[in-house]
Amino acid sequence: MIEQSKAWGYTTEILVTPSFELHKIFVERGGYCSIHEHTGKNNSFYILSGVLQITEWINEEKVHKLLRANDLYTCDKGVRHQFKAISQVDALEIYHSRIDPKDIIRYSKGGIECLGLS
């Protein structure tokens, strides 16, 4: 795992593939990232502890979302956003593409087989 120091804390790469990245981030109280957007990936945050404010710019209006432990929030690709730690934060940061939930072809039906007692 690769740990990278940031102005706001640090990030640790857990898993990186061509279509998915998982990082653990630590953000100092008051720490914030740059205002930015991603052109090809969505950016999700799952909060382990602390309070993280996500600000998105939707049609040039600021929209704030407060995230606490066990909250999950996704900033869609192409949307400007920034995070700021209201308290010290541990979180998982996930970069991913949208997956079509109907992307499945079934060849049989699942169920529960009665196996009897032996």
Protein backbone atom coordinates (compact mmCIF):
# COMPACT_ATOMS: atom_id res chain seq x y z
CA MET A 1 0.00 0.00 0.00
CA ILE A 2 1.24 3.43 -0.94
CA GLU A 3 0.73 6.32 1.50
CA GLN A 4 0.77 9.83 0.09
CA SER A 5 1.00 12.97 2.20
CA LYS A 6 -1.47 15.74 1.36
CA ALA A 7 -1.86 19.34 2.58
CA TRP A 8 -4.99 18.20 4.47
CA GLY A 9 -3.72 14.84 5.85
CA TYR A 10 -2.85 11.71 3.91
CA THR A 11 -4.26 9.03 1.63
CA THR A 12 -3.37 5.35 1.46
CA GLU A 13 -3.99 3.32 -1.71
CA ILE A 14 -5.68 0.03 -0.87
CA LEU A 15 -6.73 -1.22 -4.32
CA VAL A 16 -6.15 0.28 -7.76
CA THR A 17 -7.48 -1.22 -11.01
CA PRO A 18 -8.21 0.39 -14.40
CA SER A 19 -11.87 1.00 -13.43
CA PHE A 20 -11.85 1.18 -9.60
CA GLU A 21 -9.71 2.71 -6.86
CA LEU A 22 -10.08 2.37 -3.09
CA HIS A 23 -8.16 4.69 -0.76
CA LYS A 24 -8.28 5.23 3.00
CA ILE A 25 -8.02 8.92 3.80
CA PHE A 26 -7.21 10.77 7.00
CA VAL A 27 -8.21 14.45 7.09
CA GLU A 28 -7.09 16.78 9.88
CA ARG A 29 -9.80 18.92 11.51
CA GLY A 30 -10.14 21.97 9.25
CA GLY A 31 -8.34 20.24 6.37
CA TYR A 32 -9.76 20.67 2.88
CA CYS A 33 -8.97 19.60 -0.66
CA SER A 34 -8.86 21.73 -3.80
CA ILE A 35 -12.04 22.54 -5.70
CA HIS A 36 -11.93 20.06 -8.56
CA GLU A 37 -13.91 17.71 -10.78
CA HIS A 38 -13.24 14.35 -12.39
CA THR A 39 -13.94 13.96 -16.10
CA GLY A 40 -14.07 10.17 -16.26
CA LYS A 41 -14.82 8.79 -12.80
CA ASN A 42 -17.22 9.22 -9.89
CA ASN A 43 -15.80 10.01 -6.44
CA SER A 44 -17.51 8.39 -3.43
CA PHE A 45 -16.81 8.86 0.27
CA TYR A 46 -17.69 6.37 3.03
CA ILE A 47 -17.11 7.90 6.45
CA LEU A 48 -15.52 5.68 9.11
CA SER A 49 -15.32 8.39 11.80
CA GLY A 50 -15.66 12.15 12.08
CA VAL A 51 -17.68 14.70 10.11
CA LEU A 52 -16.85 15.60 6.51
CA GLN A 53 -18.55 18.39 4.57
CA ILE A 54 -18.85 17.89 0.83
CA THR A 55 -19.54 20.98 -1.25
CA GLU A 56 -20.68 20.57 -4.86
CA TRP A 57 -21.29 23.31 -7.39
CA ILE A 58 -24.58 22.48 -9.14
CA ASN A 59 -25.54 25.05 -11.80
CA GLU A 60 -23.08 27.48 -10.14
CA GLU A 61 -24.88 27.10 -6.76
CA LYS A 62 -23.05 25.69 -3.75
CA VAL A 63 -24.72 22.61 -2.27
CA HIS A 64 -23.39 21.37 1.09
CA LYS A 65 -23.74 17.84 2.46
CA LEU A 66 -22.57 16.81 5.95
CA LEU A 67 -21.39 13.21 6.22
CA ARG A 68 -20.97 11.29 9.47
CA ALA A 69 -19.89 7.75 10.40
CA ASN A 70 -21.43 5.13 8.08
CA ASP A 71 -22.63 7.74 5.56
CA LEU A 72 -21.89 7.18 1.87
CA TYR A 73 -22.01 9.96 -0.70
CA THR A 74 -21.07 10.09 -4.40
CA CYS A 75 -19.93 13.10 -6.37
CA ASP A 76 -20.72 12.33 -10.00
CA LYS A 77 -18.11 12.84 -12.70
CA GLY A 78 -18.16 16.32 -14.18
CA VAL A 79 -19.42 17.96 -10.95
CA ARG A 80 -17.06 20.39 -9.20
CA HIS A 81 -16.62 19.45 -5.57
CA GLN A 82 -14.49 19.95 -2.47
CA PHE A 83 -14.35 18.32 0.96
CA LYS A 84 -13.60 19.89 4.33
CA ALA A 85 -13.18 18.13 7.68
CA ILE A 86 -15.43 19.57 10.39
CA SER A 87 -13.68 17.20 12.80
CA GLN A 88 -10.80 14.76 12.33
CA VAL A 89 -11.96 12.28 9.64
CA ASP A 90 -11.12 8.71 8.67
CA ALA A 91 -12.89 7.68 5.47
CA LEU A 92 -12.77 5.43 2.45
CA GLU A 93 -12.51 7.28 -0.86
CA ILE A 94 -13.68 5.33 -3.87
CA TYR A 95 -13.15 6.25 -7.53
CA HIS A 96 -15.38 4.31 -9.88
CA SER A 97 -17.47 4.27 -13.04
CA ARG A 98 -21.23 3.85 -13.01
CA ILE A 99 -22.21 0.23 -13.52
CA ASP A 100 -25.49 -0.71 -15.19
CA PRO A 101 -27.40 -2.80 -12.59
CA LYS A 102 -29.23 -4.52 -15.48
CA ASP A 103 -25.92 -5.72 -16.92
CA ILE A 104 -26.59 -9.42 -16.36
CA ILE A 105 -27.71 -12.31 -18.55
CA ARG A 106 -29.18 -15.18 -16.52
CA TYR A 107 -29.07 -18.76 -17.82
CA SER A 108 -30.81 -20.31 -14.83
CA LYS A 109 -32.78 -19.32 -11.74
CA GLY A 110 -31.23 -19.39 -8.25
CA GLY A 111 -32.92 -20.99 -5.26
CA ILE A 112 -32.38 -23.25 -2.24
CA GLU A 113 -31.89 -26.98 -2.75
CA CYS A 114 -33.40 -29.35 -0.19
CA LEU A 115 -30.41 -31.47 0.82
CA GLY A 116 -32.04 -33.66 3.46
CA LEU A 117 -30.37 -34.95 6.63
CA SER A 118 -27.42 -37.30 6.58
